[in-house]
C-alpha atoms as a PDB file:
ATOM      1  CA  LEU A   1      45.986-127.602 -64.828  1.00  0.00           C
ATOM      2  CA  ARG A   2      48.476-125.089 -63.524  1.00  0.00           C
ATOM      3  CA  SER A   3      51.360-125.543 -65.925  1.00  0.00           C
ATOM      4  CA  CYS A   4      50.712-128.575 -68.124  1.00  0.00           C
ATOM      5  CA  VAL A   5      49.783-127.862 -71.702  1.00  0.00           C
ATOM      6  CA  MET A   6      47.082-129.796 -73.502  1.00  0.00           C
ATOM      7  CA  THR A   7      48.132-130.352 -77.074  1.00  0.00           C
ATOM      8  CA  THR A   8      46.640-131.461 -80.354  1.00  0.00           C
ATOM      9  CA  GLY A   9      49.649-133.565 -81.307  1.00  0.00           C
ATOM     10  CA  MET A  10      49.654-137.243 -82.280  1.00  0.00           C
ATOM     11  CA  HIS A  11      46.784-138.098 -79.918  1.00  0.00           C
ATOM     12  CA  ALA A  12      43.461-136.431 -79.123  1.00  0.00           C
ATOM     13  CA  ASP A  13      43.986-136.982 -75.387  1.00  0.00           C
ATOM     14  CA  GLU A  14      47.646-135.939 -75.354  1.00  0.00           C
ATOM     15  CA  LEU A  15      49.102-133.880 -72.528  1.00  0.00           C
ATOM     16  CA  VAL A  16      52.664-132.599 -72.363  1.00  0.00           C
ATOM     17  CA  ALA A  17      54.208-131.187 -69.202  1.00  0.00           C
ATOM     18  CA  ASP A  18      56.117-127.959 -69.635  1.00  0.00           C
ATOM     19  CA  ASP A  19      59.668-127.491 -68.407  1.00  0.00           C
ATOM     20  CA  GLU A  20      58.730-125.608 -65.239  1.00  0.00           C
ATOM     21  CA  THR A  21      56.300-128.325 -64.186  1.00  0.00           C
ATOM     22  CA  VAL A  22      59.036-130.933 -64.501  1.00  0.00           C
ATOM     23  CA  ARG A  23      61.477-128.777 -62.519  1.00  0.00           C
ATOM     24  CA  ARG A  24      58.943-128.346 -59.715  1.00  0.00           C
ATOM     25  CA  LEU A  25      58.094-132.034 -59.622  1.00  0.00           C
ATOM     26  CA  ILE A  26      61.773-132.937 -59.386  1.00  0.00           C
ATOM     27  CA  ALA A  27      62.350-130.378 -56.622  1.00  0.00           C
ATOM     28  CA  GLU A  28      59.305-131.545 -54.638  1.00  0.00           C
ATOM     29  CA  GLN A  29      59.729-135.305 -55.014  1.00  0.00           C
ATOM     30  CA  PHE A  30      63.478-135.790 -55.614  1.00  0.00           C
ATOM     31  CA  PRO A  31      65.235-132.920 -53.810  1.00  0.00           C
ATOM     32  CA  GLN A  32      68.579-134.710 -54.216  1.00  0.00           C
ATOM     33  CA  TRP A  33      68.382-133.869 -57.933  1.00  0.00           C
ATOM     34  CA  SER A  34      66.818-130.405 -57.648  1.00  0.00           C
ATOM     35  CA  SER A  35      70.063-128.619 -58.565  1.00  0.00           C
ATOM     36  CA  LEU A  36      70.478-130.513 -61.835  1.00  0.00           C
ATOM     37  CA  PRO A  37      69.558-128.748 -65.085  1.00  0.00           C
ATOM     38  CA  VAL A  38      66.426-129.941 -66.906  1.00  0.00           C
ATOM     39  CA  ARG A  39      66.472-129.933 -70.707  1.00  0.00           C
ATOM     40  CA  ARG A  40      63.544-130.936 -72.912  1.00  0.00           C
ATOM     41  CA  LEU A  41      64.440-133.366 -75.690  1.00  0.00           C
ATOM     42  CA  PRO A  42      62.705-133.549 -79.082  1.00  0.00           C
ATOM     43  CA  PRO A  43      59.604-135.791 -79.091  1.00  0.00           C
ATOM     44  CA  LEU A  44      61.095-138.985 -80.513  1.00  0.00           C
ATOM     45  CA  GLY A  45      58.290-141.459 -79.834  1.00  0.00           C
ATOM     46  CA  THR A  46      54.535-141.610 -79.552  1.00  0.00           C
ATOM     47  CA  ASP A  47      54.125-142.260 -75.826  1.00  0.00           C
ATOM     48  CA  ASN A  48      56.462-140.179 -73.624  1.00  0.00           C
ATOM     49  CA  GLN A  49      58.012-136.722 -73.465  1.00  0.00           C
ATOM     50  CA  LEU A  50      61.676-136.903 -72.437  1.00  0.00           C
ATOM     51  CA  PHE A  51      63.730-134.486 -70.346  1.00  0.00           C
ATOM     52  CA  ARG A  52      67.463-134.767 -69.778  1.00  0.00           C
ATOM     53  CA  LEU A  53      68.206-134.355 -66.046  1.00  0.00           C
ATOM     54  CA  GLY A  54      71.835-133.405 -65.565  1.00  0.00           C
ATOM     55  CA  ASP A  55      74.325-135.622 -67.377  1.00  0.00           C
ATOM     56  CA  ASP A  56      73.329-139.016 -66.035  1.00  0.00           C
ATOM     57  CA  LEU A  57      69.528-139.124 -65.779  1.00  0.00           C
ATOM     58  CA  LEU A  58      66.436-138.961 -67.987  1.00  0.00           C
ATOM     59  CA  VAL A  59      62.865-138.053 -66.985  1.00  0.00           C
ATOM     60  CA  ARG A  60      60.080-139.852 -68.867  1.00  0.00           C
ATOM     61  CA  MET A  61      56.683-138.120 -68.711  1.00  0.00           C
ATOM     62  CA  PRO A  62      53.748-140.029 -70.276  1.00  0.00           C
ATOM     63  CA  ARG A  63      51.845-138.087 -72.917  1.00  0.00           C
ATOM     64  CA  ILE A  64      48.665-140.196 -72.919  1.00  0.00           C
ATOM     65  CA  PRO A  65      46.897-142.449 -70.381  1.00  0.00           C
ATOM     66  CA  GLY A  66      47.957-145.815 -71.881  1.00  0.00           C
ATOM     67  CA  PRO A  67      51.713-145.399 -71.364  1.00  0.00           C
ATOM     68  CA  ALA A  68      51.018-143.972 -67.907  1.00  0.00           C
ATOM     69  CA  GLU A  69      49.640-147.389 -66.961  1.00  0.00           C
ATOM     70  CA  ALA A  70      53.015-148.944 -67.868  1.00  0.00           C
ATOM     71  CA  VAL A  71      54.988-146.763 -65.438  1.00  0.00           C
ATOM     72  CA  ALA A  72      54.396-149.012 -62.423  1.00  0.00           C
ATOM     73  CA  PHE A  73      55.220-152.088 -64.515  1.00  0.00           C
ATOM     74  CA  GLU A  74      58.575-150.668 -65.606  1.00  0.00           C
ATOM     75  CA  HIS A  75      59.453-149.504 -62.089  1.00  0.00           C
ATOM     76  CA  THR A  76      58.642-152.936 -60.635  1.00  0.00           C
ATOM     77  CA  TRP A  77      59.971-155.281 -63.283  1.00  0.00           C
ATOM     78  CA  LEU A  78      62.864-153.702 -65.178  1.00  0.00           C
ATOM     79  CA  PRO A  79      65.220-153.817 -62.160  1.00  0.00           C
ATOM     80  CA  ARG A  80      64.392-157.526 -61.854  1.00  0.00           C
ATOM     81  CA  LEU A  81      64.877-158.237 -65.566  1.00  0.00           C
ATOM     82  CA  ALA A  82      68.120-156.267 -65.936  1.00  0.00           C
ATOM     83  CA  PRO A  83      70.508-158.755 -64.261  1.00  0.00           C
ATOM     84  CA  HIS A  84      69.394-161.508 -66.659  1.00  0.00           C
ATOM     85  CA  LEU A  85      69.962-159.596 -69.910  1.00  0.00           C
ATOM     86  CA  PRO A  86      73.163-159.158 -71.971  1.00  0.00           C
ATOM     87  CA  VAL A  87      72.647-155.440 -72.701  1.00  0.00           C
ATOM     88  CA  THR A  88      71.621-152.414 -70.659  1.00  0.00           C
ATOM     89  CA  ILE A  89      67.957-151.632 -70.088  1.00  0.00           C
ATOM     90  CA  PRO A  90      66.673-148.420 -68.440  1.00  0.00           C
ATOM     91  CA  ALA A  91      65.666-149.731 -65.024  1.00  0.00           C
ATOM     92  CA  PRO A  92      64.024-146.778 -63.229  1.00  0.00           C
ATOM     93  CA  VAL A  93      65.851-145.169 -60.307  1.00  0.00           C
ATOM     94  CA  GLY A  94      62.878-143.025 -59.290  1.00  0.00           C
ATOM     95  CA  LEU A  95      59.089-143.290 -59.446  1.00  0.00           C
ATOM     96  CA  GLY A  96      57.384-139.904 -59.594  1.00  0.00           C
ATOM     97  CA  GLU A  97      53.823-139.270 -58.465  1.00  0.00           C
ATOM     98  CA  PRO A  98      51.143-137.095 -60.074  1.00  0.00           C
ATOM     99  CA  GLY A  99      51.309-133.474 -58.990  1.00  0.00           C
ATOM    100  CA  ASP A 100      51.438-129.818 -60.000  1.00  0.00           C
ATOM    101  CA  GLY A 101      48.663-130.384 -62.497  1.00  0.00           C
ATOM    102  CA  PHE A 102      50.309-133.432 -64.078  1.00  0.00           C
ATOM    103  CA  PRO A 103      47.869-136.343 -63.645  1.00  0.00           C
ATOM    104  CA  TRP A 104      50.016-139.464 -64.118  1.00  0.00           C
ATOM    105  CA  PRO A 105      52.965-141.237 -62.525  1.00  0.00           C
ATOM    106  CA  TRP A 106      56.341-140.804 -64.238  1.00  0.00           C
ATOM    107  CA  THR A 107      59.864-142.170 -63.962  1.00  0.00           C
ATOM    108  CA  VAL A 108      63.492-141.162 -63.720  1.00  0.00           C
ATOM    109  CA  VAL A 109      65.859-143.576 -65.477  1.00  0.00           C
ATOM    110  CA  PRO A 110      69.607-143.635 -66.165  1.00  0.00           C
ATOM    111  CA  TRP A 111      70.806-141.790 -69.266  1.00  0.00           C
ATOM    112  CA  ILE A 112      72.273-144.367 -71.665  1.00  0.00           C
ATOM    113  CA  GLU A 113      74.788-143.262 -74.263  1.00  0.00           C
ATOM    114  CA  GLY A 114      74.137-144.574 -77.750  1.00  0.00           C
ATOM    115  CA  SER A 115      72.646-143.728 -81.117  1.00  0.00           C
ATOM    116  CA  THR A 116      69.730-144.888 -83.212  1.00  0.00           C
ATOM    117  CA  PRO A 117      70.922-147.723 -85.455  1.00  0.00           C
ATOM    118  CA  THR A 118      71.234-147.183 -89.177  1.00  0.00           C
ATOM    119  CA  GLU A 119      72.428-149.513 -91.879  1.00  0.00           C
ATOM    120  CA  SER A 120      75.725-147.590 -91.965  1.00  0.00           C
ATOM    121  CA  SER A 121      76.336-148.017 -88.211  1.00  0.00           C
ATOM    122  CA  TYR A 122      76.518-151.813 -88.020  1.00  0.00           C
ATOM    123  CA  ASP A 123      77.156-154.967 -90.000  1.00  0.00           C
ATOM    124  CA  PRO A 124      73.679-156.319 -90.809  1.00  0.00           C
ATOM    125  CA  GLU A 125      74.505-159.984 -90.186  1.00  0.00           C
ATOM    126  CA  GLU A 126      76.161-159.254 -86.857  1.00  0.00           C
ATOM    127  CA  TRP A 127      73.298-156.975 -85.944  1.00  0.00           C
ATOM    128  CA  GLY A 128      70.675-159.607 -86.694  1.00  0.00           C
ATOM    129  CA  ALA A 129      72.579-162.130 -84.589  1.00  0.00           C
ATOM    130  CA  GLU A 130      73.039-159.707 -81.664  1.00  0.00           C
ATOM    131  CA  LEU A 131      69.398-158.637 -81.579  1.00  0.00           C
ATOM    132  CA  GLY A 132      68.294-162.266 -81.880  1.00  0.00           C
ATOM    133  CA  ALA A 133      70.592-163.261 -79.005  1.00  0.00           C
ATOM    134  CA  PHE A 134      68.991-160.535 -76.867  1.00  0.00           C
ATOM    135  CA  VAL A 135      65.526-161.947 -77.657  1.00  0.00           C
ATOM    136  CA  ARG A 136      66.641-165.453 -76.669  1.00  0.00           C
ATOM    137  CA  ALA A 137      68.094-164.142 -73.411  1.00  0.00           C
ATOM    138  CA  CYS A 138      64.843-162.339 -72.660  1.00  0.00           C
ATOM    139  CA  ARG A 139      62.889-165.501 -73.399  1.00  0.00           C
ATOM    140  CA  ALA A 140      65.073-167.432 -70.943  1.00  0.00           C
ATOM    141  CA  VAL A 141      64.491-165.058 -68.005  1.00  0.00           C
ATOM    142  CA  PRO A 142      62.651-166.841 -65.161  1.00  0.00           C
ATOM    143  CA  GLY A 143      58.950-166.024 -65.032  1.00  0.00           C
ATOM    144  CA  MET A 144      59.137-164.597 -61.479  1.00  0.00           C
ATOM    145  CA  ASP A 145      55.315-164.509 -61.454  1.00  0.00           C
ATOM    146  CA  GLY A 146      55.438-161.571 -63.861  1.00  0.00           C
ATOM    147  CA  PRO A 147      52.248-160.391 -65.583  1.00  0.00           C
ATOM    148  CA  VAL A 148      50.929-162.609 -68.374  1.00  0.00           C
ATOM    149  CA  VAL A 149      49.424-160.772 -71.352  1.00  0.00           C
ATOM    150  CA  THR A 150      45.862-161.844 -72.133  1.00  0.00           C
ATOM    151  CA  GLU A 151      45.235-159.451 -75.023  1.00  0.00           C
ATOM    152  CA  GLY A 152      47.351-157.227 -77.232  1.00  0.00           C
ATOM    153  CA  ARG A 153      51.002-157.725 -78.162  1.00  0.00           C
ATOM    154  CA  GLY A 154      52.176-161.170 -77.122  1.00  0.00           C
ATOM    155  CA  GLY A 155      48.717-162.323 -76.069  1.00  0.00           C
ATOM    156  CA  PRO A 156      46.447-164.783 -77.887  1.00  0.00           C
ATOM    157  CA  LEU A 157      46.004-163.570 -81.467  1.00  0.00           C
ATOM    158  CA  PRO A 158      42.204-164.114 -81.592  1.00  0.00           C
ATOM    159  CA  ALA A 159      41.816-161.366 -78.976  1.00  0.00           C
ATOM    160  CA  LEU A 160      43.019-158.903 -81.660  1.00  0.00           C
ATOM    161  CA  ASP A 161      40.556-160.051 -84.320  1.00  0.00           C
ATOM    162  CA  ALA A 162      37.991-157.263 -83.924  1.00  0.00           C
ATOM    163  CA  TRP A 163      40.771-154.643 -83.757  1.00  0.00           C
ATOM    164  CA  VAL A 164      42.367-155.795 -87.021  1.00  0.00           C
ATOM    165  CA  ARG A 165      39.089-156.047 -88.895  1.00  0.00           C
ATOM    166  CA  ASP A 166      37.840-152.652 -87.657  1.00  0.00           C
ATOM    167  CA  TRP A 167      41.047-150.851 -88.688  1.00  0.00           C
ATOM    168  CA  THR A 168      41.144-152.715 -92.000  1.00  0.00           C
ATOM    169  CA  ASP A 169      37.661-151.390 -92.719  1.00  0.00           C
ATOM    170  CA  LYS A 170      38.892-147.840 -91.957  1.00  0.00           C
ATOM    171  CA  ALA A 171      41.983-148.135 -94.149  1.00  0.00           C
ATOM    172  CA  ASP A 172      42.403-146.632 -97.615  1.00  0.00           C
ATOM    173  CA  THR A 173      41.711-149.592 -99.882  1.00  0.00           C
ATOM    174  CA  THR A 174      43.154-147.765-102.881  1.00  0.00           C
ATOM    175  CA  ALA A 175      46.603-148.201-101.305  1.00  0.00           C
ATOM    176  CA  VAL A 176      46.355-151.898-100.455  1.00  0.00           C
ATOM    177  CA  SER A 177      43.789-154.610-101.031  1.00  0.00           C
ATOM    178  CA  ARG A 178      41.453-155.290 -98.115  1.00  0.00           C
ATOM    179  CA  ASP A 179      41.349-158.964 -99.129  1.00  0.00           C
ATOM    180  CA  ALA A 180      45.144-159.169 -99.159  1.00  0.00           C
ATOM    181  CA  VAL A 181      45.343-157.656 -95.653  1.00  0.00           C
ATOM    182  CA  LEU A 182      42.765-160.076 -94.290  1.00  0.00           C
ATOM    183  CA  ALA A 183      44.495-163.020 -95.988  1.00  0.00           C
ATOM    184  CA  VAL A 184      47.637-162.246 -93.954  1.00  0.00           C
ATOM    185  CA  TRP A 185      45.559-161.986 -90.795  1.00  0.00           C
ATOM    186  CA  GLU A 186      43.572-165.157 -91.362  1.00  0.00           C
ATOM    187  CA  ASP A 187      46.745-167.155 -92.045  1.00  0.00           C
ATOM    188  CA  ALA A 188      48.165-165.932 -88.741  1.00  0.00           C
ATOM    189  CA  LEU A 189      44.977-166.955 -86.937  1.00  0.00           C
ATOM    190  CA  ALA A 190      45.121-170.379 -88.585  1.00  0.00           C
ATOM    191  CA  ALA A 191      48.657-171.070 -87.355  1.00  0.00           C
ATOM    192  CA  PRO A 192      49.010-173.442 -84.382  1.00  0.00           C
ATOM    193  CA  ALA A 193      48.608-171.486 -81.159  1.00  0.00           C
ATOM    194  CA  TYR A 194      51.474-171.142 -78.689  1.00  0.00           C
ATOM    195  CA  ASP A 195      51.015-173.705 -75.921  1.00  0.00           C
ATOM    196  CA  GLY A 196      54.234-173.294 -73.934  1.00  0.00           C
ATOM    197  CA  GLU A 197      55.033-171.376 -70.778  1.00  0.00           C
ATOM    198  CA  PRO A 198      54.569-167.606 -71.129  1.00  0.00           C
ATOM    199  CA  CYS A 199      57.930-166.023 -71.969  1.00  0.00           C
ATOM    200  CA  TRP A 200      59.244-162.544 -71.227  1.00  0.00           C
ATOM    201  CA  PHE A 201      59.267-160.280 -74.277  1.00  0.00           C
ATOM    202  CA  HIS A 202      59.976-156.634 -75.099  1.00  0.00           C
ATOM    203  CA  GLY A 203      57.158-156.448 -77.642  1.00  0.00           C
ATOM    204  CA  ASP A 204      58.172-153.304 -79.528  1.00  0.00           C
ATOM    205  CA  LEU A 205      61.574-153.873 -81.112  1.00  0.00           C
ATOM    206  CA  HIS A 206      62.225-151.139 -83.648  1.00  0.00           C
ATOM    207  CA  ASP A 207      65.011-148.661 -84.309  1.00  0.00           C
ATOM    208  CA  GLY A 208      63.528-146.044 -81.971  1.00  0.00           C
ATOM    209  CA  ASN A 209      63.800-148.446 -79.037  1.00  0.00           C
ATOM    210  CA  ILE A 210      67.320-149.702 -79.743  1.00  0.00           C
ATOM    211  CA  LEU A 211      70.668-147.995 -79.102  1.00  0.00           C
ATOM    212  CA  VAL A 212      73.982-148.911 -80.678  1.00  0.00           C
ATOM    213  CA  ARG A 213      77.487-147.955 -79.629  1.00  0.00           C
ATOM    214  CA  ASP A 214      80.709-148.745 -81.512  1.00  0.00           C
ATOM    215  CA  GLY A 215      78.721-150.776 -84.024  1.00  0.00           C
ATOM    216  CA  HIS A 216      77.132-153.101 -81.468  1.00  0.00           C
ATOM    217  CA  LEU A 217      73.865-153.384 -79.592  1.00  0.00           C
ATOM    218  CA  ALA A 218      74.211-151.212 -76.471  1.00  0.00           C
ATOM    219  CA  ALA A 219      70.710-150.982 -74.986  1.00  0.00           C
ATOM    220  CA  VAL A 220      67.048-151.809 -75.497  1.00  0.00           C
ATOM    221  CA  ILE A 221      64.766-149.083 -74.170  1.00  0.00           C
ATOM    222  CA  ASP A 222      61.039-148.292 -73.764  1.00  0.00           C
ATOM    223  CA  TRP A 223      59.523-151.420 -72.223  1.00  0.00           C
ATOM    224  CA  GLY A 224      55.930-150.196 -72.143  1.00  0.00           C
ATOM    225  CA  ALA A 225      54.716-153.098 -74.305  1.00  0.00           C
ATOM    226  CA  ALA A 226      56.611-155.808 -72.391  1.00  0.00           C
ATOM    227  CA  GLY A 227      55.195-158.755 -70.489  1.00  0.00           C
ATOM    228  CA  ARG A 228      55.017-162.528 -70.611  1.00  0.00           C
ATOM    229  CA  GLY A 229      53.286-164.401 -73.381  1.00  0.00           C
ATOM    230  CA  ASP A 230      53.789-165.751 -76.905  1.00  0.00           C
ATOM    231  CA  PRO A 231      57.487-165.372 -77.902  1.00  0.00           C
ATOM    232  CA  ALA A 232      56.426-165.016 -81.546  1.00  0.00           C
ATOM    233  CA  ILE A 233      55.801-161.322 -80.850  1.00  0.00           C
ATOM    234  CA  GLU A 234      59.532-160.569 -81.205  1.00  0.00           C
ATOM    235  CA  LEU A 235      59.625-161.837 -84.806  1.00  0.00           C
ATOM    236  CA  ASN A 236      57.304-159.019 -85.879  1.00  0.00           C
ATOM    237  CA  ALA A 237      60.434-156.859 -86.227  1.00  0.00           C
ATOM    238  CA  LEU A 238      61.126-158.766 -89.461  1.00  0.00           C
ATOM    239  CA  TRP A 239      58.466-156.710 -91.250  1.00  0.00           C
ATOM    240  CA  GLY A 240      59.190-153.439 -89.499  1.00  0.00           C
ATOM    241  CA  TYR A 241      62.674-152.482 -88.451  1.00  0.00           C
ATOM    242  CA  VAL A 242      65.069-155.356 -89.260  1.00  0.00           C
ATOM    243  CA  PRO A 243      66.683-154.640 -92.675  1.00  0.00           C
ATOM    244  CA  PRO A 244      66.536-157.397 -95.308  1.00  0.00           C
ATOM    245  CA  ALA A 245      70.241-158.283 -94.969  1.00  0.00           C
ATOM    246  CA  ALA A 246      69.779-158.923 -91.241  1.00  0.00           C
ATOM    247  CA  ALA A 247      66.472-160.773 -91.469  1.00  0.00           C
ATOM    248  CA  GLU A 248      67.738-164.339 -91.806  1.00  0.00           C
ATOM    249  CA  PRO A 249      70.458-164.004 -89.118  1.00  0.00           C
ATOM    250  CA  TYR A 250      67.844-162.490 -86.824  1.00  0.00           C
ATOM    251  CA  ARG A 251      65.267-165.190 -87.448  1.00  0.00           C
ATOM    252  CA  GLU A 252      67.892-167.923 -87.012  1.00  0.00           C
ATOM    253  CA  ALA A 253      69.174-166.397 -83.759  1.00  0.00           C
ATOM    254  CA  VAL A 254      65.653-166.019 -82.351  1.00  0.00           C
ATOM    255  CA  GLY A 255      65.150-169.706 -83.054  1.00  0.00           C
ATOM    256  CA  LEU A 256      61.367-170.108 -83.316  1.00  0.00           C
ATOM    257  CA  ASP A 257      59.383-172.429 -85.585  1.00  0.00           C
ATOM    258  CA  GLU A 258      57.252-171.807 -88.658  1.00  0.00           C
ATOM    259  CA  ALA A 259      54.043-171.563 -86.622  1.00  0.00           C
ATOM    260  CA  ALA A 260      55.603-168.717 -84.596  1.00  0.00           C
ATOM    261  CA  TYR A 261      56.647-167.020 -87.848  1.00  0.00           C
ATOM    262  CA  ARG A 262      53.050-167.114 -89.081  1.00  0.00           C
ATOM    263  CA  ARG A 263      51.678-165.790 -85.775  1.00  0.00           C
ATOM    264  CA  ALA A 264      54.322-163.067 -85.848  1.00  0.00           C
ATOM    265  CA  ARG A 265      52.918-161.810 -89.145  1.00  0.00           C
ATOM    266  CA  GLY A 266      49.637-161.247 -87.309  1.00  0.00           C
ATOM    267  CA  PHE A 267      51.383-159.481 -84.434  1.00  0.00           C
ATOM    268  CA  ALA A 268      53.102-157.210 -86.982  1.00  0.00           C
ATOM    269  CA  LEU A 269      49.868-156.517 -88.857  1.00  0.00           C
ATOM    270  CA  ALA A 270      47.763-155.423 -85.872  1.00  0.00           C
ATOM    271  CA  PRO A 271      49.671-152.220 -84.963  1.00  0.00           C
ATOM    272  CA  ALA A 272      50.593-151.502 -88.577  1.00  0.00           C
ATOM    273  CA  ILE A 273      47.042-151.570 -89.956  1.00  0.00           C
ATOM    274  CA  SER A 274      45.838-149.270 -87.168  1.00  0.00           C
ATOM    275  CA  GLY A 275      48.887-146.969 -87.087  1.00  0.00           C
ATOM    276  CA  TRP A 276      48.638-146.361 -90.819  1.00  0.00           C
ATOM    277  CA  THR A 277      45.234-144.664 -90.424  1.00  0.00           C
ATOM    278  CA  TYR A 278      45.529-143.368 -86.842  1.00  0.00           C
ATOM    279  CA  TYR A 279      48.691-141.337 -87.522  1.00  0.00           C
ATOM    280  CA  ARG A 280      47.857-140.315 -91.094  1.00  0.00           C
ATOM    281  CA  ASP A 281      47.220-136.644 -90.273  1.00  0.00           C
ATOM    282  CA  THR A 282      49.125-136.179 -87.003  1.00  0.00           C
ATOM    283  CA  ALA A 283      52.364-138.097 -87.731  1.00  0.00           C
ATOM    284  CA  PRO A 284      52.684-138.755 -91.481  1.00  0.00           C
ATOM    285  CA  GLU A 285      56.113-140.417 -91.238  1.00  0.00           C
ATOM    286  CA  THR A 286      54.818-142.895 -88.659  1.00  0.00           C
ATOM    287  CA  SER A 287      51.763-143.550 -90.816  1.00  0.00           C
ATOM    288  CA  GLN A 288      53.910-144.163 -93.896  1.00  0.00           C
ATOM    289  CA  GLY A 289      56.138-146.577 -91.967  1.00  0.00           C
ATOM    290  CA  ALA A 290      53.072-148.530 -90.880  1.00  0.00           C
ATOM    291  CA  LEU A 291      51.816-148.683 -94.471  1.00  0.00           C
ATOM    292  CA  GLU A 292      55.199-150.005 -95.622  1.00  0.00           C
ATOM    293  CA  THR A 293      54.976-152.740 -92.986  1.00  0.00           C
ATOM    294  CA  VAL A 294      51.527-153.719 -94.267  1.00  0.00           C
ATOM    295  CA  ARG A 295      52.871-153.872 -97.809  1.00  0.00           C
ATOM    296  CA  ARG A 296      55.838-156.026 -96.754  1.00  0.00           C
ATOM    297  CA  LEU A 297      53.505-158.437 -94.988  1.00  0.00           C
ATOM    298  CA  ILE A 298      51.320-158.760 -98.057  1.00  0.00           C
ATOM    299  CA  ALA A 299      54.377-159.257-100.282  1.00  0.00           C
END
């Protein structure tokens, strides 16, 4: 590696490109933007390092192999999804190739003005209704032969069974009861399975992937977990990000049945039970948030 820096950050296999590498990649692959300043942004998520490119663009560089696999998906599908949705999504305007020691594809997307939502920046009931309306609009997008998820978020829940049980066994059982965790999981598995047409979903709705402007939903970003599958996946936000005052308006606006609600508890549990332990030493705040989700599910 000429300029990339291997790190011991959140992930054992993490790699972060330095500023000069990004500048060279831009100059080599997108000469029309080579004169624009490049500015590294703080690491806000777990999957990508972000660089502001001039005033109107953003460079997203994967930090680990998994998100790198989503680059082609976002480049292909977000421009096709965007016209069907009521808010802005970051449809890529450039697909970068590996080079200069950086091993993965990467994207250039539009810079979207907005801020991370807080309970002081919106009316909870309006917010729940707006986010729920976005989910319904996403669910109504034509399939367009998009990829159907067969395992993971939005896929059949039984495919996650070994994952949930393995991470439950690794968890600190002095913090929560193993039996209580598995009771949530087994109820989700027992719920009637989704038997409709696969629906488009975002799959990772939380405050880090949502932007607000003037008190309203402005954009939904980071579509690395998206695909087509069980629409219940979007209700998992009820036990993660959506504040209690917005929960009922959100659930009502999403408009799914009790079976979907039960499956959604399983979709919420799977990343929470693993994230709690996985990020315990490398990202304590993320780990604590996952533990709080587990506790809410049990409660």
